């Protein structure tokens, strides 16, 4: 049976799931989204993800045409339709159908799309041996233009940096902000460990405040690791003892090289491995 996709209250086979070519989500990237995981039939941190979705929508003046409770029910209904317990969930809210002009007021009704599918994780060897990053020349979009805390459908900034990483032979790339500070990677938040402390860029560095990021911070504090949200530079990255990324798909993946420079001893560090182990113990089936 084909994967079923939820669109505005109805289910459609993946091959038949379509939106209008006049939807401003397609024409202008005008909309918001969330990427969520379900583990063992339970949606991971659904409240936090829905809160962020609603905040993103409010920030760009989209009124989501359903309640959070109804959205939660629709997510679980979509998982059930596809008989998924462990899955990736993509929520999309578009501005809706309008005309070829920019005016969002001509889009009468936002559309809600829920996709559930299998998730493609990083290869196992990345978690065991670490992965390499390169710094992109594409800087993170200026927060005075549009806040990076809005998880919008317009991901061109991230995509351009992603292309740089791929052309350099890396599956991820580090992005800096307009001040030259470390912000985040194209699809993940970033942490380093220095002298036993866990350091990560603050929200005002121009990052998306990741749900997995916040969860890992909670885990670290629970394990007695000091956590500091502080501005970081590439110097801090180069001299770090450990480094790892966090994200919905990544969970917590070690980084052992940046711009051709070895981080730490070139192996996933003890705090990184401990936090990944704690993460997996929290989400695995009891």
Foldseek 3Di string as FASTA:
>chain_A
DAQWKDKQHDTDGPVPDDADCQFCCNLPLAWAKFKWWAAQQRTPPLVVRVVLRCVLCVLSVHDAPDDSVVVVVVQSVSCVVVVHRTWIKMWIKTLAGAHNDPDSVRHDHIMIMIGIDHADADDPVQQFQNFEEEAFPQAADDVVVPAQQNRTSPLVSLVNRCVVGVVVVGRKYWHFHPVQWTEAISAWFKWFAAPQAIEGADSNRRYHPAPLVVVLVVVCVVVVGHYDHHTHHVVCVLATQWMWIDHNRHSTGTHQYYNRHGHRPSGHDDVSVVSSVVSCVVRHDD
